[in-house]
């Protein structure tokens, strides 16, 4: 991965390059930010730059022996750990090594992938994935060896918040006192799900949202999208390249979420328990899966933000068109300063709970009952 291939993040790229050139390379670093912000591509570009034998002033050369191997994620001194589970091919004792080919493929095809994309890639859409204690033991074993051909050996742990407690505790000593010539890079999205002791032992690198202009330019260059559509998707993405690409490629899901949202709000406003229960049954189905449930809640947050903006700023900043725009004209008045804080907190809490494996039916039913009251709150 070359730094030039990463969307935006110019300030952070420069910082990483300068630290490597100056030899100020921390032995344990945590890249923290949403997958669509580019935390994983940044970590991979950083590894490639450190190992490059013909460094340029602003990037790795991309053509030396080390760069070619790292670009294919096949360097013998670059090790990976990521969340997995059993599937039809791997029926027991799943480990990162057993899924390394899929890992290389998804990084080559779509470097801004998220956990849901990864689950689809390894065919575990209806399961949760973890990094278990056996994986931690394997990491420790690999890093006990000397570098094979590079100056450093690297361990990159993707979705480090998926380390279970036993696995995380097993790695504490390694992160605090790594073996010689070892660099450990953790990539995570949800800081609150990580052990504080892990975070405190790393150099924290917060990866910010990508600028809207950089995302729009990326969509125009890579997908041939015209300026107006690229700008629209970039505006919705809120700094997340993966979200922009998903909106571009998954209009069907947007339509499904919109219809799901409409039925939900109508059932809640009517305080119709039968409709609300039927809706909860649908959205909680195993075939939908937790990542899709989280994306629906993110869509609901977008709708609520749009309603608030239309109420207090006007329509000149509207981001929805077509059928959703027509719906918003009637729905926006129900989102105002007297209930918006409670609405946002409710949706964010549900998003967090679903991510933490809470029982979906209880989460969505409880939220629906509370929405039945919130939608009736009068604008003060």
Protein backbone atom coordinates (compact mmCIF):
# COMPACT_ATOMS: atom_id res chain seq x y z
CA UNK A 1 0.00 0.00 0.00
CA UNK A 2 1.34 3.38 -1.03
CA UNK A 3 0.50 6.54 0.89
CA UNK A 4 -0.56 8.17 -2.39
CA UNK A 5 -3.32 5.56 -2.81
CA UNK A 6 -4.97 6.51 0.49
CA UNK A 7 -7.87 8.97 0.22
CA UNK A 8 -7.07 12.27 1.94
CA UNK A 9 -5.38 12.20 5.39
CA UNK A 10 -2.49 14.34 4.14
CA UNK A 11 -1.56 15.66 7.60
CA UNK A 12 -1.45 12.21 9.16
CA UNK A 13 0.49 10.76 6.22
CA UNK A 14 3.11 13.48 6.62
CA UNK A 15 3.37 12.82 10.34
CA UNK A 16 3.89 9.07 9.85
CA UNK A 17 6.49 9.62 7.11
CA UNK A 18 8.47 12.11 9.20
CA UNK A 19 8.46 9.85 12.26
CA UNK A 20 9.81 6.97 10.19
CA UNK A 21 12.49 9.09 8.51
CA UNK A 22 13.59 10.42 11.90
CA UNK A 23 13.69 6.92 13.39
CA UNK A 24 11.01 7.77 15.97
CA UNK A 25 9.08 4.53 15.56
CA UNK A 26 7.14 3.42 18.63
CA UNK A 27 7.17 -0.32 19.22
CA UNK A 28 3.38 -0.42 19.83
CA UNK A 29 0.94 1.89 18.07
CA UNK A 30 -2.84 2.03 17.97
CA UNK A 31 -4.50 3.39 14.82
CA UNK A 32 -7.96 4.37 16.03
CA UNK A 33 -10.70 5.37 13.61
CA UNK A 34 -13.59 4.03 11.58
CA UNK A 35 -12.65 1.57 8.84
CA UNK A 36 -13.82 4.04 6.22
CA UNK A 37 -11.41 6.69 7.48
CA UNK A 38 -8.46 4.58 6.31
CA UNK A 39 -6.87 3.33 9.53
CA UNK A 40 -5.89 -0.04 8.05
CA UNK A 41 -4.52 1.35 4.74
CA UNK A 42 -2.52 3.91 6.73
CA UNK A 43 -1.02 1.20 8.92
CA UNK A 44 -0.11 -0.91 5.87
CA UNK A 45 1.41 2.07 4.04
CA UNK A 46 3.40 2.87 7.18
CA UNK A 47 4.80 -0.68 7.33
CA UNK A 48 5.71 -0.55 3.64
CA UNK A 49 7.43 2.82 4.03
CA UNK A 50 9.48 1.69 7.05
CA UNK A 51 10.69 -1.41 5.18
CA UNK A 52 11.24 0.27 1.79
CA UNK A 53 14.86 0.11 0.64
CA UNK A 54 14.48 3.10 -1.72
CA UNK A 55 12.37 5.57 0.25
CA UNK A 56 11.16 8.73 -1.46
CA UNK A 57 10.60 11.97 0.41
CA UNK A 58 6.84 11.40 0.60
CA UNK A 59 6.24 7.69 -0.05
CA UNK A 60 7.76 4.26 -0.44
CA UNK A 61 9.13 3.40 -3.88
CA UNK A 62 6.58 0.68 -4.57
CA UNK A 63 9.04 -1.35 -6.64
CA UNK A 64 11.77 -2.70 -4.36
CA UNK A 65 11.70 -6.31 -3.18
CA UNK A 66 10.20 -5.38 0.19
CA UNK A 67 7.48 -3.09 -1.25
CA UNK A 68 6.36 -5.73 -3.73
CA UNK A 69 6.00 -8.35 -1.00
CA UNK A 70 4.23 -6.05 1.44
CA UNK A 71 1.86 -4.79 -1.26
CA UNK A 72 0.76 -8.41 -1.69
CA UNK A 73 0.65 -8.89 2.13
CA UNK A 74 3.10 -11.75 1.64
CA UNK A 75 6.24 -10.47 3.40
CA UNK A 76 7.68 -13.13 5.76
CA UNK A 77 8.22 -10.54 8.51
CA UNK A 78 4.68 -9.13 8.36
CA UNK A 79 2.22 -11.07 10.50
CA UNK A 80 -1.52 -10.54 10.85
CA UNK A 81 -4.24 -11.25 13.38
CA UNK A 82 -7.89 -10.51 12.72
CA UNK A 83 -11.29 -11.75 13.96
CA UNK A 84 -12.51 -15.07 12.55
CA UNK A 85 -14.98 -17.86 13.22
CA UNK A 86 -15.78 -21.28 11.79
CA UNK A 87 -17.40 -21.70 8.39
CA UNK A 88 -18.07 -24.60 6.01
CA UNK A 89 -14.38 -25.00 5.15
CA UNK A 90 -12.90 -24.24 8.58
CA UNK A 91 -15.05 -26.27 10.94
CA UNK A 92 -12.89 -26.05 14.08
CA UNK A 93 -10.01 -24.08 15.61
CA UNK A 94 -10.30 -21.04 13.29
CA UNK A 95 -7.21 -18.84 13.08
CA UNK A 96 -6.00 -15.92 11.00
CA UNK A 97 -3.52 -18.12 9.14
CA UNK A 98 -6.38 -20.27 7.83
CA UNK A 99 -8.01 -17.17 6.28
CA UNK A 100 -4.90 -15.41 5.01
CA UNK A 101 -5.82 -15.84 1.32
CA UNK A 102 -9.22 -14.18 1.86
CA UNK A 103 -7.45 -11.44 3.83
CA UNK A 104 -5.12 -10.71 0.93
CA UNK A 105 -7.98 -10.72 -1.56
CA UNK A 106 -10.24 -8.32 0.34
CA UNK A 107 -7.38 -5.87 0.94
CA UNK A 108 -6.54 -5.94 -2.76
CA UNK A 109 -10.16 -5.50 -3.87
CA UNK A 110 -11.49 -3.05 -1.28
CA UNK A 111 -8.99 -1.62 1.27
CA UNK A 112 -11.73 0.37 3.06
CA UNK A 113 -13.72 -2.74 4.02
CA UNK A 114 -15.50 -3.07 7.36
CA UNK A 115 -16.29 -6.00 9.65
CA UNK A 116 -19.49 -6.83 7.79
CA UNK A 117 -17.59 -7.01 4.48
CA UNK A 118 -15.06 -9.31 6.14
CA UNK A 119 -17.79 -11.59 7.49
CA UNK A 120 -19.25 -11.88 4.01
CA UNK A 121 -15.83 -12.61 2.57
CA UNK A 122 -15.24 -15.55 4.91
CA UNK A 123 -18.91 -16.66 4.83
CA UNK A 124 -19.85 -16.12 8.48
CA UNK A 125 -22.53 -13.44 7.96
CA UNK A 126 -24.78 -14.69 10.78
CA UNK A 127 -21.98 -15.24 13.31
CA UNK A 128 -19.83 -13.05 15.51
CA UNK A 129 -16.06 -13.11 15.10
CA UNK A 130 -13.32 -12.80 17.72
CA UNK A 131 -9.58 -12.94 18.17
CA UNK A 132 -9.15 -15.68 20.76
CA UNK A 133 -6.45 -16.68 23.21
CA UNK A 134 -5.05 -19.36 20.88
CA UNK A 135 -4.44 -16.60 18.32
CA UNK A 136 -2.61 -14.56 20.96
CA UNK A 137 -0.37 -17.51 21.75
CA UNK A 138 0.39 -17.87 18.04
CA UNK A 139 1.29 -14.16 17.82
CA UNK A 140 3.70 -14.48 20.73
CA UNK A 141 5.29 -17.52 19.11
CA UNK A 142 5.77 -15.77 15.75
CA UNK A 143 7.31 -12.67 17.31
CA UNK A 144 9.78 -14.73 19.34
CA UNK A 145 11.64 -15.46 16.10
CA UNK A 146 14.23 -13.18 14.54
CA UNK A 147 13.32 -11.11 11.45
CA UNK A 148 13.69 -13.22 8.33
CA UNK A 149 14.82 -10.59 5.83
CA UNK A 150 13.75 -7.12 7.05
CA UNK A 151 15.17 -4.95 9.83
CA UNK A 152 11.91 -5.28 11.79
CA UNK A 153 9.22 -7.89 12.20
CA UNK A 154 5.67 -6.53 12.29
CA UNK A 155 2.44 -7.71 13.86
CA UNK A 156 -0.70 -5.97 12.62
CA UNK A 157 -3.86 -6.69 14.62
CA UNK A 158 -6.98 -5.57 12.75
CA UNK A 159 -10.16 -4.89 14.76
CA UNK A 160 -8.19 -5.11 18.00
CA UNK A 161 -11.38 -4.48 19.99
CA UNK A 162 -12.42 -8.01 18.95
CA UNK A 163 -9.71 -9.48 21.18
CA UNK A 164 -11.54 -11.33 23.93
CA UNK A 165 -10.45 -10.56 27.49
CA UNK A 166 -8.21 -13.61 27.81
CA UNK A 167 -6.52 -12.89 24.47
CA UNK A 168 -5.99 -9.22 25.32
CA UNK A 169 -4.49 -10.01 28.71
CA UNK A 170 -2.20 -12.56 27.09
CA UNK A 171 -0.76 -9.83 24.85
CA UNK A 172 -0.19 -7.22 27.54
CA UNK A 173 3.38 -8.18 28.33
CA UNK A 174 4.28 -8.51 24.64
CA UNK A 175 2.91 -5.03 23.89
CA UNK A 176 4.67 -3.50 26.90
CA UNK A 177 7.98 -5.33 26.39
CA UNK A 178 8.13 -6.63 22.82
CA UNK A 179 10.91 -8.83 21.57
CA UNK A 180 13.83 -7.13 19.82
CA UNK A 181 13.16 -5.40 16.47
CA UNK A 182 9.39 -5.83 16.80
CA UNK A 183 6.70 -3.31 15.86
CA UNK A 184 3.10 -4.00 16.85
CA UNK A 185 0.35 -2.05 15.11
CA UNK A 186 -3.20 -2.33 16.39
CA UNK A 187 -6.09 -1.07 14.24
CA UNK A 188 -9.42 -0.47 15.96
CA UNK A 189 -12.68 1.46 15.66
CA UNK A 190 -14.30 1.36 19.10
CA UNK A 191 -12.01 2.58 21.85
CA UNK A 192 -14.51 1.88 24.63
CA UNK A 193 -14.50 -1.84 23.81
CA UNK A 194 -10.75 -2.16 24.34
CA UNK A 195 -8.99 -2.84 27.62
CA UNK A 196 -7.62 0.38 29.10
CA UNK A 197 -4.41 -1.46 29.87
CA UNK A 198 -3.91 -2.19 26.16
CA UNK A 199 -4.55 1.43 25.15
CA UNK A 200 -2.21 2.80 27.82
CA UNK A 201 0.66 0.70 26.46
CA UNK A 202 0.43 2.02 22.91
CA UNK A 203 1.12 5.26 21.09
CA UNK A 204 -2.37 6.42 20.11
CA UNK A 205 -2.86 7.64 16.54
CA UNK A 206 -6.37 9.00 16.02
CA UNK A 207 -7.43 8.73 12.39
CA UNK A 208 -9.88 11.57 11.62
CA UNK A 209 -12.73 11.59 9.07
CA UNK A 210 -11.65 12.12 5.47
CA UNK A 211 -12.45 15.55 4.04
CA UNK A 212 -15.56 15.68 1.86
CA UNK A 213 -13.65 17.13 -1.08
CA UNK A 214 -11.13 14.26 -1.04
CA UNK A 215 -13.91 11.65 -1.05
CA UNK A 216 -15.73 13.36 -3.93
CA UNK A 217 -12.51 13.52 -5.93
CA UNK A 218 -11.85 9.84 -5.22
CA UNK A 219 -15.34 8.85 -6.44
CA UNK A 220 -14.94 10.85 -9.61
CA UNK A 221 -11.52 9.38 -10.38
CA UNK A 222 -12.17 5.74 -9.51
CA UNK A 223 -15.85 5.31 -10.35
CA UNK A 224 -16.33 7.91 -13.05
CA UNK A 225 -19.08 9.59 -11.03
CA UNK A 226 -20.14 13.05 -12.13
CA UNK A 227 -19.45 15.98 -9.82
CA UNK A 228 -22.97 16.45 -8.42
CA UNK A 229 -23.46 12.77 -7.53
CA UNK A 230 -19.94 12.45 -6.12
CA UNK A 231 -20.52 15.50 -3.93
CA UNK A 232 -23.88 14.13 -2.74
CA UNK A 233 -22.39 10.77 -1.71
CA UNK A 234 -19.39 12.48 -0.11
CA UNK A 235 -21.71 14.73 1.93
CA UNK A 236 -23.64 11.75 3.27
CA UNK A 237 -20.47 9.81 4.03
CA UNK A 238 -19.39 12.14 6.87
CA UNK A 239 -15.73 11.43 6.26
CA UNK A 240 -16.15 7.69 5.69
CA UNK A 241 -14.92 6.42 2.30
CA UNK A 242 -16.58 3.03 2.82
CA UNK A 243 -19.94 4.72 3.44
CA UNK A 244 -19.59 6.74 0.24
CA UNK A 245 -18.78 3.62 -1.76
CA UNK A 246 -21.64 1.71 -0.12
CA UNK A 247 -24.12 4.45 -0.99
CA UNK A 248 -22.82 4.44 -4.54
CA UNK A 249 -23.09 0.66 -4.92
CA UNK A 250 -25.94 -0.32 -2.61
CA UNK A 251 -28.94 1.82 -3.46
CA UNK A 252 -31.08 -1.27 -2.89
CA UNK A 253 -30.09 -1.33 0.78
CA UNK A 254 -30.83 2.40 1.14
CA UNK A 255 -34.32 1.79 -0.28
CA UNK A 256 -34.85 -1.10 2.14
CA UNK A 257 -33.70 0.96 5.13
CA UNK A 258 -35.97 3.82 4.10
CA UNK A 259 -39.05 1.59 3.91
CA UNK A 260 -38.07 -0.04 7.20
CA UNK A 261 -37.70 3.37 8.83
CA UNK A 262 -41.06 4.61 7.51
CA UNK A 263 -42.93 1.59 8.90
CA UNK A 264 -41.11 1.90 12.20
CA UNK A 265 -41.92 5.56 12.71
CA UNK A 266 -45.58 5.08 11.74
CA UNK A 267 -45.98 2.19 14.15
CA UNK A 268 -44.32 4.20 16.92
CA UNK A 269 -46.37 7.33 16.27
CA UNK A 270 -49.59 5.32 16.32
CA UNK A 271 -48.33 3.51 19.45
CA UNK A 272 -49.56 0.36 17.69
CA UNK A 273 -48.03 -2.52 19.65
CA UNK A 274 -48.93 -5.08 17.00
CA UNK A 275 -47.18 -3.12 14.24
CA UNK A 276 -44.20 -2.39 16.46
CA UNK A 277 -43.85 -6.06 17.41
CA UNK A 278 -44.01 -7.17 13.76
CA UNK A 279 -41.36 -4.59 12.88
CA UNK A 280 -39.09 -5.75 15.72
CA UNK A 281 -39.45 -9.37 14.53
CA UNK A 282 -38.32 -8.36 11.04
CA UNK A 283 -35.37 -6.19 12.02
CA UNK A 284 -34.16 -8.73 14.61
CA UNK A 285 -34.10 -11.68 12.19
CA UNK A 286 -30.81 -13.62 12.06
CA UNK A 287 -30.72 -13.24 8.29
CA UNK A 288 -30.22 -9.48 8.71
CA UNK A 289 -27.26 -9.78 11.07
CA UNK A 290 -25.81 -7.31 13.54
CA UNK A 291 -23.70 -5.30 11.11
CA UNK A 292 -26.71 -4.60 8.92
CA UNK A 293 -28.74 -3.67 12.02
CA UNK A 294 -26.00 -1.19 12.94
CA UNK A 295 -26.05 0.27 9.43
CA UNK A 296 -29.82 0.72 9.70
CA UNK A 297 -29.37 2.63 12.96
CA UNK A 298 -26.75 4.81 11.25
CA UNK A 299 -29.28 5.48 8.48
CA UNK A 300 -31.89 6.41 11.11
CA UNK A 301 -29.40 8.85 12.63
CA UNK A 302 -28.92 10.45 9.20
CA UNK A 303 -32.70 10.88 8.87
CA UNK A 304 -32.94 12.51 12.30
CA UNK A 305 -30.06 14.88 11.58
CA UNK A 306 -31.67 15.80 8.27
CA UNK A 307 -34.98 16.52 10.02
CA UNK A 308 -33.29 18.79 12.54
CA UNK A 309 -31.37 20.65 9.82
CA UNK A 310 -34.53 21.26 7.82
CA UNK A 311 -36.30 22.60 10.89
CA UNK A 312 -33.65 25.08 11.91
CA UNK A 313 -31.45 25.75 8.86
CA UNK A 314 -33.80 25.26 5.94
CA UNK A 315 -33.70 23.05 2.88
CA UNK A 316 -30.66 24.55 1.16
CA UNK A 317 -28.45 22.00 2.98
CA UNK A 318 -30.71 19.01 2.37
CA UNK A 319 -28.97 15.79 1.39
CA UNK A 320 -31.94 13.61 0.40
CA UNK A 321 -33.77 13.65 -2.91
CA UNK A 322 -36.68 11.78 -4.48
CA UNK A 323 -39.04 9.74 -2.29
CA UNK A 324 -37.01 10.31 0.86
CA UNK A 325 -37.14 14.06 0.29
CA UNK A 326 -40.94 13.91 0.02
CA UNK A 327 -41.13 11.92 3.25
CA UNK A 328 -38.84 14.36 5.05
CA UNK A 329 -41.16 17.30 4.33
CA UNK A 330 -43.75 15.68 6.59
CA UNK A 331 -41.42 13.98 9.05
CA UNK A 332 -38.98 16.81 9.81
CA UNK A 333 -41.38 18.71 12.16
CA UNK A 334 -41.31 15.73 14.54
CA UNK A 335 -37.57 16.22 15.17
CA UNK A 336 -36.90 19.40 17.16
CA UNK A 337 -34.92 20.83 20.05
CA UNK A 338 -37.29 19.38 22.66
CA UNK A 339 -36.71 15.75 21.72
CA UNK A 340 -33.67 15.52 19.42
CA UNK A 341 -31.09 14.96 22.17
CA UNK A 342 -33.07 12.04 23.59
CA UNK A 343 -33.62 10.63 20.08
CA UNK A 344 -29.92 10.74 19.21
CA UNK A 345 -28.92 9.22 22.54
CA UNK A 346 -31.43 6.42 22.05
CA UNK A 347 -30.16 5.54 18.58
CA UNK A 348 -26.50 5.75 19.60
CA UNK A 349 -27.11 3.59 22.66
CA UNK A 350 -28.88 0.97 20.54
CA UNK A 351 -26.00 1.04 18.04
CA UNK A 352 -23.53 0.45 20.88
CA UNK A 353 -25.60 -2.35 22.44
CA UNK A 354 -26.06 -4.19 19.14
CA UNK A 355 -22.31 -3.95 18.61
CA UNK A 356 -21.81 -5.50 22.04
CA UNK A 357 -23.99 -8.49 21.18
CA UNK A 358 -27.10 -7.37 23.10
CA UNK A 359 -30.35 -9.26 22.46
CA UNK A 360 -31.71 -7.49 19.37
CA UNK A 361 -35.41 -8.01 20.06
CA UNK A 362 -35.22 -6.44 23.50
CA UNK A 363 -33.06 -3.56 22.23
CA UNK A 364 -35.34 -2.68 19.32
CA UNK A 365 -38.59 -3.15 21.26
CA UNK A 366 -37.39 -0.98 24.12
CA UNK A 367 -36.29 1.69 21.65
CA UNK A 368 -39.64 1.53 19.83
CA UNK A 369 -41.62 2.03 23.04
CA UNK A 370 -39.52 5.08 23.89
CA UNK A 371 -39.90 6.49 20.39
CA UNK A 372 -43.68 6.22 20.78
CA UNK A 373 -43.36 8.86 23.50
CA UNK A 374 -40.60 10.96 21.94
CA UNK A 375 -42.49 11.53 18.67
CA UNK A 376 -45.34 13.04 20.68
CA UNK A 377 -43.18 15.55 22.49
CA UNK A 378 -44.36 19.04 21.54
CA UNK A 379 -41.93 21.59 20.21
CA UNK A 380 -41.28 23.96 23.10
